[in-house]
PDB file of N, CA and C in Angstrom:
ATOM      1  N   UNK A   1       5.193 -12.371   1.979  1.00  0.00           N
ATOM      2  CA  UNK A   1       3.827 -11.934   2.183  1.00  0.00           C
ATOM      3  C   UNK A   1       3.779 -10.984   3.374  1.00  0.00           C
ATOM      4  N   UNK A   2       3.056  -9.902   3.210  1.00  0.00           N
ATOM      5  CA  UNK A   2       2.937  -8.899   4.266  1.00  0.00           C
ATOM      6  C   UNK A   2       1.849  -9.332   5.245  1.00  0.00           C
ATOM      7  N   UNK A   3       2.197  -9.355   6.518  1.00  0.00           N
ATOM      8  CA  UNK A   3       1.228  -9.666   7.568  1.00  0.00           C
ATOM      9  C   UNK A   3       0.894  -8.371   8.308  1.00  0.00           C
ATOM     10  N   UNK A   4      -0.133  -8.418   9.127  1.00  0.00           N
ATOM     11  CA  UNK A   4      -0.474  -7.236   9.925  1.00  0.00           C
ATOM     12  C   UNK A   4       0.698  -6.826  10.812  1.00  0.00           C
ATOM     13  N   UNK A   5       1.397  -7.803  11.363  1.00  0.00           N
ATOM     14  CA  UNK A   5       2.533  -7.504  12.244  1.00  0.00           C
ATOM     15  C   UNK A   5       3.669  -6.831  11.473  1.00  0.00           C
ATOM     16  N   UNK A   6       4.030  -7.357  10.301  1.00  0.00           N
ATOM     17  CA  UNK A   6       5.118  -6.744   9.532  1.00  0.00           C
ATOM     18  C   UNK A   6       4.689  -5.393   8.963  1.00  0.00           C
ATOM     19  N   UNK A   7       3.415  -5.253   8.647  1.00  0.00           N
ATOM     20  CA  UNK A   7       2.895  -3.970   8.175  1.00  0.00           C
ATOM     21  C   UNK A   7       3.083  -2.906   9.255  1.00  0.00           C
ATOM     22  N   UNK A   8       2.743  -3.238  10.494  1.00  0.00           N
ATOM     23  CA  UNK A   8       2.850  -2.265  11.589  1.00  0.00           C
ATOM     24  C   UNK A   8       4.298  -1.930  11.947  1.00  0.00           C
ATOM     25  N   UNK A   9       5.213  -2.837  11.665  1.00  0.00           N
ATOM     26  CA  UNK A   9       6.635  -2.522  11.877  1.00  0.00           C
ATOM     27  C   UNK A   9       7.057  -1.425  10.901  1.00  0.00           C
ATOM     28  N   UNK A  10       6.626  -1.557   9.676  1.00  0.00           N
ATOM     29  CA  UNK A  10       6.994  -0.573   8.653  1.00  0.00           C
ATOM     30  C   UNK A  10       6.174   0.715   8.751  1.00  0.00           C
ATOM     31  N   UNK A  11       4.920   0.596   9.180  1.00  0.00           N
ATOM     32  CA  UNK A  11       4.020   1.747   9.251  1.00  0.00           C
ATOM     33  C   UNK A  11       3.436   1.881  10.663  1.00  0.00           C
ATOM     34  N   UNK A  12       4.262   2.218  11.647  1.00  0.00           N
ATOM     35  CA  UNK A  12       3.773   2.297  13.027  1.00  0.00           C
ATOM     36  C   UNK A  12       2.720   3.382  13.238  1.00  0.00           C
ATOM     37  N   UNK A  13       2.621   4.307  12.308  1.00  0.00           N
ATOM     38  CA  UNK A  13       1.613   5.359  12.429  1.00  0.00           C
ATOM     39  C   UNK A  13       0.188   4.806  12.387  1.00  0.00           C
ATOM     40  N   UNK A  14       0.037   3.550  11.963  1.00  0.00           N
ATOM     41  CA  UNK A  14      -1.283   2.922  11.915  1.00  0.00           C
ATOM     42  C   UNK A  14      -1.523   1.986  13.099  1.00  0.00           C
ATOM     43  N   UNK A  15      -0.720   2.113  14.136  1.00  0.00           N
ATOM     44  CA  UNK A  15      -0.862   1.203  15.279  1.00  0.00           C
ATOM     45  C   UNK A  15      -2.206   1.346  15.977  1.00  0.00           C
ATOM     46  N   UNK A  16      -2.860   2.479  15.841  1.00  0.00           N
ATOM     47  CA  UNK A  16      -4.166   2.673  16.461  1.00  0.00           C
ATOM     48  C   UNK A  16      -5.326   2.295  15.533  1.00  0.00           C
ATOM     49  N   UNK A  17      -5.021   1.942  14.299  1.00  0.00           N
ATOM     50  CA  UNK A  17      -6.074   1.534  13.358  1.00  0.00           C
ATOM     51  C   UNK A  17      -6.619   0.169  13.778  1.00  0.00           C
ATOM     52  N   UNK A  18      -7.898  -0.062  13.565  1.00  0.00           N
ATOM     53  CA  UNK A  18      -8.464  -1.364  13.919  1.00  0.00           C
ATOM     54  C   UNK A  18      -7.758  -2.500  13.158  1.00  0.00           C
ATOM     55  N   UNK A  19      -7.491  -3.583  13.841  1.00  0.00           N
ATOM     56  CA  UNK A  19      -6.808  -4.732  13.226  1.00  0.00           C
ATOM     57  C   UNK A  19      -7.568  -5.252  12.018  1.00  0.00           C
ATOM     58  N   UNK A  20      -8.884  -5.195  12.071  1.00  0.00           N
ATOM     59  CA  UNK A  20      -9.685  -5.672  10.939  1.00  0.00           C
ATOM     60  C   UNK A  20      -9.508  -4.782   9.713  1.00  0.00           C
ATOM     61  N   UNK A  21      -9.338  -3.484   9.923  1.00  0.00           N
ATOM     62  CA  UNK A  21      -9.106  -2.568   8.808  1.00  0.00           C
ATOM     63  C   UNK A  21      -7.753  -2.843   8.167  1.00  0.00           C
ATOM     64  N   UNK A  22      -6.747  -3.089   8.990  1.00  0.00           N
ATOM     65  CA  UNK A  22      -5.415  -3.404   8.461  1.00  0.00           C
ATOM     66  C   UNK A  22      -5.467  -4.705   7.666  1.00  0.00           C
ATOM     67  N   UNK A  23      -6.077  -5.737   8.234  1.00  0.00           N
ATOM     68  CA  UNK A  23      -6.156  -7.035   7.555  1.00  0.00           C
ATOM     69  C   UNK A  23      -6.910  -6.921   6.235  1.00  0.00           C
ATOM     70  N   UNK A  24      -8.032  -6.222   6.229  1.00  0.00           N
ATOM     71  CA  UNK A  24      -8.821  -6.069   5.001  1.00  0.00           C
ATOM     72  C   UNK A  24      -8.054  -5.271   3.949  1.00  0.00           C
ATOM     73  N   UNK A  25      -7.324  -4.250   4.373  1.00  0.00           N
ATOM     74  CA  UNK A  25      -6.539  -3.443   3.440  1.00  0.00           C
ATOM     75  C   UNK A  25      -5.407  -4.257   2.824  1.00  0.00           C
ATOM     76  N   UNK A  26      -4.799  -5.130   3.615  1.00  0.00           N
ATOM     77  CA  UNK A  26      -3.739  -5.995   3.077  1.00  0.00           C
ATOM     78  C   UNK A  26      -4.303  -6.968   2.050  1.00  0.00           C
ATOM     79  N   UNK A  27      -5.477  -7.517   2.305  1.00  0.00           N
ATOM     80  CA  UNK A  27      -6.119  -8.423   1.343  1.00  0.00           C
ATOM     81  C   UNK A  27      -6.393  -7.681   0.039  1.00  0.00           C
ATOM     82  N   UNK A  28      -6.964  -6.490   0.143  1.00  0.00           N
ATOM     83  CA  UNK A  28      -7.262  -5.699  -1.057  1.00  0.00           C
ATOM     84  C   UNK A  28      -5.990  -5.315  -1.807  1.00  0.00           C
ATOM     85  N   UNK A  29      -4.948  -4.942  -1.066  1.00  0.00           N
ATOM     86  CA  UNK A  29      -3.686  -4.553  -1.699  1.00  0.00           C
ATOM     87  C   UNK A  29      -3.059  -5.739  -2.435  1.00  0.00           C
ATOM     88  N   UNK A  30      -3.157  -6.924  -1.864  1.00  0.00           N
ATOM     89  CA  UNK A  30      -2.625  -8.123  -2.535  1.00  0.00           C
ATOM     90  C   UNK A  30      -3.298  -8.322  -3.895  1.00  0.00           C
ATOM     91  N   UNK A  31      -4.581  -7.990  -3.979  1.00  0.00           N
ATOM     92  CA  UNK A  31      -5.306  -8.140  -5.243  1.00  0.00           C
ATOM     93  C   UNK A  31      -4.834  -7.135  -6.291  1.00  0.00           C
ATOM     94  N   UNK A  32      -4.277  -6.031  -5.851  1.00  0.00           N
ATOM     95  CA  UNK A  32      -3.832  -4.980  -6.771  1.00  0.00           C
ATOM     96  C   UNK A  32      -2.382  -5.152  -7.235  1.00  0.00           C
ATOM     97  N   UNK A  33      -1.639  -6.032  -6.574  1.00  0.00           N
ATOM     98  CA  UNK A  33      -0.213  -6.189  -6.870  1.00  0.00           C
ATOM     99  C   UNK A  33       0.036  -7.596  -7.406  1.00  0.00           C
ATOM    100  N   UNK A  34       0.409  -7.686  -8.666  1.00  0.00           N
ATOM    101  CA  UNK A  34       0.735  -8.978  -9.282  1.00  0.00           C
ATOM    102  C   UNK A  34       2.172  -9.332  -8.906  1.00  0.00           C
ATOM    103  N   UNK A  35       2.336 -10.365  -8.098  1.00  0.00           N
ATOM    104  CA  UNK A  35       3.659 -10.743  -7.609  1.00  0.00           C
ATOM    105  C   UNK A  35       4.603 -11.156  -8.735  1.00  0.00           C
ATOM    106  N   UNK A  36       4.066 -11.688  -9.829  1.00  0.00           N
ATOM    107  CA  UNK A  36       4.921 -12.042 -10.963  1.00  0.00           C
ATOM    108  C   UNK A  36       5.506 -10.800 -11.625  1.00  0.00           C
ATOM    109  N   UNK A  37       4.775  -9.724 -11.608  1.00  0.00           N
ATOM    110  CA  UNK A  37       5.231  -8.480 -12.224  1.00  0.00           C
ATOM    111  C   UNK A  37       6.139  -7.708 -11.264  1.00  0.00           C
ATOM    112  N   UNK A  38       5.743  -7.586  -9.999  1.00  0.00           N
ATOM    113  CA  UNK A  38       6.492  -6.789  -9.032  1.00  0.00           C
ATOM    114  C   UNK A  38       7.719  -7.506  -8.491  1.00  0.00           C
ATOM    115  N   UNK A  39       7.738  -8.826  -8.569  1.00  0.00           N
ATOM    116  CA  UNK A  39       8.901  -9.585  -8.130  1.00  0.00           C
ATOM    117  C   UNK A  39       9.300  -9.288  -6.700  1.00  0.00           C
ATOM    118  N   UNK A  40      10.570  -8.983  -6.494  1.00  0.00           N
ATOM    119  CA  UNK A  40      11.111  -8.749  -5.151  1.00  0.00           C
ATOM    120  C   UNK A  40      10.514  -7.513  -4.478  1.00  0.00           C
ATOM    121  N   UNK A  41       9.893  -6.644  -5.249  1.00  0.00           N
ATOM    122  CA  UNK A  41       9.306  -5.424  -4.690  1.00  0.00           C
ATOM    123  C   UNK A  41       7.823  -5.582  -4.367  1.00  0.00           C
ATOM    124  N   UNK A  42       7.290  -6.775  -4.488  1.00  0.00           N
ATOM    125  CA  UNK A  42       5.860  -6.994  -4.279  1.00  0.00           C
ATOM    126  C   UNK A  42       5.428  -6.650  -2.862  1.00  0.00           C
ATOM    127  N   UNK A  43       6.165  -7.103  -1.865  1.00  0.00           N
ATOM    128  CA  UNK A  43       5.783  -6.795  -0.484  1.00  0.00           C
ATOM    129  C   UNK A  43       5.813  -5.289  -0.219  1.00  0.00           C
ATOM    130  N   UNK A  44       6.800  -4.608  -0.772  1.00  0.00           N
ATOM    131  CA  UNK A  44       6.886  -3.164  -0.622  1.00  0.00           C
ATOM    132  C   UNK A  44       5.649  -2.495  -1.230  1.00  0.00           C
ATOM    133  N   UNK A  45       5.276  -2.925  -2.426  1.00  0.00           N
ATOM    134  CA  UNK A  45       4.110  -2.364  -3.097  1.00  0.00           C
ATOM    135  C   UNK A  45       2.832  -2.655  -2.318  1.00  0.00           C
ATOM    136  N   UNK A  46       2.692  -3.876  -1.819  1.00  0.00           N
ATOM    137  CA  UNK A  46       1.503  -4.238  -1.033  1.00  0.00           C
ATOM    138  C   UNK A  46       1.418  -3.360   0.208  1.00  0.00           C
ATOM    139  N   UNK A  47       2.519  -3.163   0.889  1.00  0.00           N
ATOM    140  CA  UNK A  47       2.520  -2.340   2.092  1.00  0.00           C
ATOM    141  C   UNK A  47       2.111  -0.908   1.816  1.00  0.00           C
ATOM    142  N   UNK A  48       2.704  -0.302   0.778  1.00  0.00           N
ATOM    143  CA  UNK A  48       2.361   1.079   0.458  1.00  0.00           C
ATOM    144  C   UNK A  48       0.909   1.202   0.005  1.00  0.00           C
ATOM    145  N   UNK A  49       0.428   0.226  -0.766  1.00  0.00           N
ATOM    146  CA  UNK A  49      -0.958   0.329  -1.235  1.00  0.00           C
ATOM    147  C   UNK A  49      -1.931   0.110  -0.080  1.00  0.00           C
ATOM    148  N   UNK A  50      -1.633  -0.805   0.814  1.00  0.00           N
ATOM    149  CA  UNK A  50      -2.485  -1.011   1.986  1.00  0.00           C
ATOM    150  C   UNK A  50      -2.501   0.248   2.854  1.00  0.00           C
ATOM    151  N   UNK A  51      -1.339   0.872   3.026  1.00  0.00           N
ATOM    152  CA  UNK A  51      -1.277   2.114   3.801  1.00  0.00           C
ATOM    153  C   UNK A  51      -2.116   3.194   3.134  1.00  0.00           C
ATOM    154  N   UNK A  52      -2.062   3.255   1.815  1.00  0.00           N
ATOM    155  CA  UNK A  52      -2.894   4.215   1.083  1.00  0.00           C
ATOM    156  C   UNK A  52      -4.376   3.948   1.332  1.00  0.00           C
ATOM    157  N   UNK A  53      -4.777   2.678   1.277  1.00  0.00           N
ATOM    158  CA  UNK A  53      -6.182   2.334   1.504  1.00  0.00           C
ATOM    159  C   UNK A  53      -6.630   2.748   2.908  1.00  0.00           C
ATOM    160  N   UNK A  54      -5.784   2.520   3.883  1.00  0.00           N
ATOM    161  CA  UNK A  54      -6.126   2.917   5.257  1.00  0.00           C
ATOM    162  C   UNK A  54      -6.183   4.436   5.362  1.00  0.00           C
ATOM    163  N   UNK A  55      -5.245   5.113   4.714  1.00  0.00           N
ATOM    164  CA  UNK A  55      -5.196   6.571   4.790  1.00  0.00           C
ATOM    165  C   UNK A  55      -6.379   7.231   4.099  1.00  0.00           C
ATOM    166  N   UNK A  56      -6.974   6.581   3.116  1.00  0.00           N
ATOM    167  CA  UNK A  56      -8.148   7.161   2.463  1.00  0.00           C
ATOM    168  C   UNK A  56      -9.408   6.919   3.272  1.00  0.00           C
ATOM    169  N   UNK A  57      -9.289   6.088   4.296  1.00  0.00           N
ATOM    170  CA  UNK A  57     -10.363   5.896   5.257  1.00  0.00           C
ATOM    171  C   UNK A  57     -10.425   7.154   6.122  1.00  0.00           C
ATOM    172  N   UNK A  58     -11.576   7.508   6.659  1.00  0.00           N
ATOM    173  CA  UNK A  58     -11.634   8.706   7.507  1.00  0.00           C
ATOM    174  C   UNK A  58     -10.605   8.723   8.649  1.00  0.00           C
ATOM    175  N   UNK A  59     -10.144   7.556   9.099  1.00  0.00           N
ATOM    176  CA  UNK A  59      -9.141   7.512  10.169  1.00  0.00           C
ATOM    177  C   UNK A  59      -7.793   8.067   9.723  1.00  0.00           C
ATOM    178  N   UNK A  60      -7.524   8.036   8.436  1.00  0.00           N
ATOM    179  CA  UNK A  60      -6.203   8.427   7.942  1.00  0.00           C
ATOM    180  C   UNK A  60      -6.155   9.786   7.282  1.00  0.00           C
ATOM    181  N   UNK A  61      -7.057  10.638   7.608  1.00  0.00           N
ATOM    182  CA  UNK A  61      -7.171  11.927   6.933  1.00  0.00           C
ATOM    183  C   UNK A  61      -5.870  12.739   6.936  1.00  0.00           C
ATOM    184  N   UNK A  62      -5.063  12.613   7.973  1.00  0.00           N
ATOM    185  CA  UNK A  62      -3.833  13.406   8.063  1.00  0.00           C
ATOM    186  C   UNK A  62      -2.797  13.015   7.003  1.00  0.00           C
ATOM    187  N   UNK A  63      -2.908  11.838   6.416  1.00  0.00           N
ATOM    188  CA  UNK A  63      -1.926  11.391   5.425  1.00  0.00           C
ATOM    189  C   UNK A  63      -2.256  11.873   4.018  1.00  0.00           C
ATOM    190  N   UNK A  64      -3.395  12.478   3.841  1.00  0.00           N
ATOM    191  CA  UNK A  64      -3.772  12.949   2.510  1.00  0.00           C
ATOM    192  C   UNK A  64      -2.959  14.175   2.138  1.00  0.00           C
ATOM    193  N   UNK A  65      -2.547  14.231   0.889  1.00  0.00           N
ATOM    194  CA  UNK A  65      -1.776  15.376   0.412  1.00  0.00           C
ATOM    195  C   UNK A  65      -2.666  16.600   0.249  1.00  0.00           C
ATOM    196  N   UNK A  66      -3.919  16.360  -0.067  1.00  0.00           N
ATOM    197  CA  UNK A  66      -4.896  17.423  -0.242  1.00  0.00           C
ATOM    198  C   UNK A  66      -6.207  16.890   0.322  1.00  0.00           C
ATOM    199  N   UNK A  67      -6.807  17.607   1.213  1.00  0.00           N
ATOM    200  CA  UNK A  67      -8.021  17.136   1.887  1.00  0.00           C
ATOM    201  C   UNK A  67      -9.172  16.876   0.917  1.00  0.00           C
ATOM    202  N   UNK A  68      -9.103  17.458  -0.281  1.00  0.00           N
ATOM    203  CA  UNK A  68     -10.166  17.278  -1.269  1.00  0.00           C
ATOM    204  C   UNK A  68      -9.862  16.132  -2.238  1.00  0.00           C
ATOM    205  N   UNK A  69      -8.760  15.462  -2.047  1.00  0.00           N
ATOM    206  CA  UNK A  69      -8.313  14.411  -2.956  1.00  0.00           C
ATOM    207  C   UNK A  69      -8.061  13.122  -2.179  1.00  0.00           C
ATOM    208  N   UNK A  70      -8.030  12.005  -2.901  1.00  0.00           N
ATOM    209  CA  UNK A  70      -7.697  10.745  -2.231  1.00  0.00           C
ATOM    210  C   UNK A  70      -6.218  10.394  -2.401  1.00  0.00           C
ATOM    211  N   UNK A  71      -5.398  11.314  -2.934  1.00  0.00           N
ATOM    212  CA  UNK A  71      -3.955  11.059  -3.060  1.00  0.00           C
ATOM    213  C   UNK A  71      -3.310  11.172  -1.686  1.00  0.00           C
ATOM    214  N   UNK A  72      -2.487  10.187  -1.376  1.00  0.00           N
ATOM    215  CA  UNK A  72      -1.790  10.166  -0.090  1.00  0.00           C
ATOM    216  C   UNK A  72      -0.295  10.040  -0.325  1.00  0.00           C
ATOM    217  N   UNK A  73       0.457  10.267   0.724  1.00  0.00           N
ATOM    218  CA  UNK A  73       1.903  10.076   0.636  1.00  0.00           C
ATOM    219  C   UNK A  73       2.213   8.623   0.277  1.00  0.00           C
ATOM    220  N   UNK A  74       1.390   7.710   0.729  1.00  0.00           N
ATOM    221  CA  UNK A  74       1.614   6.283   0.460  1.00  0.00           C
ATOM    222  C   UNK A  74       1.359   5.947  -1.008  1.00  0.00           C
ATOM    223  N   UNK A  75       0.368   6.589  -1.612  1.00  0.00           N
ATOM    224  CA  UNK A  75       0.101   6.367  -3.026  1.00  0.00           C
ATOM    225  C   UNK A  75       1.272   6.868  -3.866  1.00  0.00           C
ATOM    226  N   UNK A  76       1.861   7.973  -3.466  1.00  0.00           N
ATOM    227  CA  UNK A  76       3.037   8.502  -4.166  1.00  0.00           C
ATOM    228  C   UNK A  76       4.165   7.473  -4.126  1.00  0.00           C
ATOM    229  N   UNK A  77       4.411   6.871  -2.965  1.00  0.00           N
ATOM    230  CA  UNK A  77       5.465   5.852  -2.851  1.00  0.00           C
ATOM    231  C   UNK A  77       5.101   4.599  -3.648  1.00  0.00           C
ATOM    232  N   UNK A  78       3.837   4.191  -3.610  1.00  0.00           N
ATOM    233  CA  UNK A  78       3.400   3.036  -4.394  1.00  0.00           C
ATOM    234  C   UNK A  78       3.651   3.287  -5.881  1.00  0.00           C
ATOM    235  N   UNK A  79       3.322   4.473  -6.353  1.00  0.00           N
ATOM    236  CA  UNK A  79       3.534   4.800  -7.770  1.00  0.00           C
ATOM    237  C   UNK A  79       5.013   4.773  -8.130  1.00  0.00           C
ATOM    238  N   UNK A  80       5.886   5.182  -7.195  1.00  0.00           N
ATOM    239  CA  UNK A  80       7.334   5.101  -7.448  1.00  0.00           C
ATOM    240  C   UNK A  80       7.778   3.650  -7.598  1.00  0.00           C
ATOM    241  N   UNK A  81       7.259   2.784  -6.732  1.00  0.00           N
ATOM    242  CA  UNK A  81       7.596   1.362  -6.839  1.00  0.00           C
ATOM    243  C   UNK A  81       7.092   0.825  -8.168  1.00  0.00           C
ATOM    244  N   UNK A  82       5.857   1.176  -8.527  1.00  0.00           N
ATOM    245  CA  UNK A  82       5.269   0.699  -9.788  1.00  0.00           C
ATOM    246  C   UNK A  82       6.115   1.144 -10.979  1.00  0.00           C
ATOM    247  N   UNK A  83       6.576   2.407 -10.968  1.00  0.00           N
ATOM    248  CA  UNK A  83       7.418   2.880 -12.072  1.00  0.00           C
ATOM    249  C   UNK A  83       8.761   2.155 -12.099  1.00  0.00           C
ATOM    250  N   UNK A  84       9.275   1.798 -10.940  1.00  0.00           N
ATOM    251  CA  UNK A  84      10.602   1.174 -10.883  1.00  0.00           C
ATOM    252  C   UNK A  84      10.619  -0.248 -11.418  1.00  0.00           C
ATOM    253  N   UNK A  85       9.458  -0.880 -11.523  1.00  0.00           N
ATOM    254  CA  UNK A  85       9.442  -2.253 -12.026  1.00  0.00           C
ATOM    255  C   UNK A  85       9.316  -2.315 -13.535  1.00  0.00           C
ATOM    256  N   UNK A  86       9.140  -1.187 -14.165  1.00  0.00           N
ATOM    257  CA  UNK A  86       9.005  -1.160 -15.623  1.00  0.00           C
ATOM    258  C   UNK A  86      10.215  -1.774 -16.279  1.00  0.00           C
ATOM    259  N   UNK A  87       9.981  -2.791 -17.073  1.00  0.00           N
ATOM    260  CA  UNK A  87      11.101  -3.465 -17.744  1.00  0.00           C
ATOM    261  C   UNK A  87      10.750  -3.718 -19.182  1.00  0.00           C
ATOM    262  N   UNK A  88       9.999  -2.820 -19.781  1.00  0.00           N
ATOM    263  CA  UNK A  88       9.632  -3.024 -21.175  1.00  0.00           C
ATOM    264  C   UNK A  88       8.464  -3.979 -21.310  1.00  0.00           C
ATOM    265  N   UNK A  89       8.345  -4.566 -22.476  1.00  0.00           N
ATOM    266  CA  UNK A  89       7.243  -5.464 -22.755  1.00  0.00           C
ATOM    267  C   UNK A  89       7.427  -6.798 -22.057  1.00  0.00           C
ATOM    268  N   UNK A  90       6.317  -7.382 -21.603  1.00  0.00           N
ATOM    269  CA  UNK A  90       6.332  -8.706 -21.003  1.00  0.00           C
ATOM    270  C   UNK A  90       5.277  -9.554 -21.676  1.00  0.00           C
ATOM    271  N   UNK A  91       5.609 -10.771 -21.940  1.00  0.00           N
ATOM    272  CA  UNK A  91       4.651 -11.711 -22.515  1.00  0.00           C
ATOM    273  C   UNK A  91       4.070 -12.520 -21.388  1.00  0.00           C
ATOM    274  N   UNK A  92       2.758 -12.489 -21.280  1.00  0.00           N
ATOM    275  CA  UNK A  92       2.082 -13.214 -20.205  1.00  0.00           C
ATOM    276  C   UNK A  92       1.268 -14.344 -20.788  1.00  0.00           C
TER     277      UNK A  92
END
């Protein structure tokens, strides 16, 4: 499980972000990442998605790939992780 402390180790560029914003982004990111599907890469996906959520906040404007879009460098990495877990059909 990704904590605020482990998140900041991986993403020190957010060290000035409010702790409440980091915590809320991690909660939201956990809701977007199914640990049964992502398996060992779940924490990586949660971290990248939380970073994306923070970067789409006005505080993270510099991380956006295009100022007119909500795509960030972190979303690109999250999408790479998501593609890497593809293993064909799964029965749930």
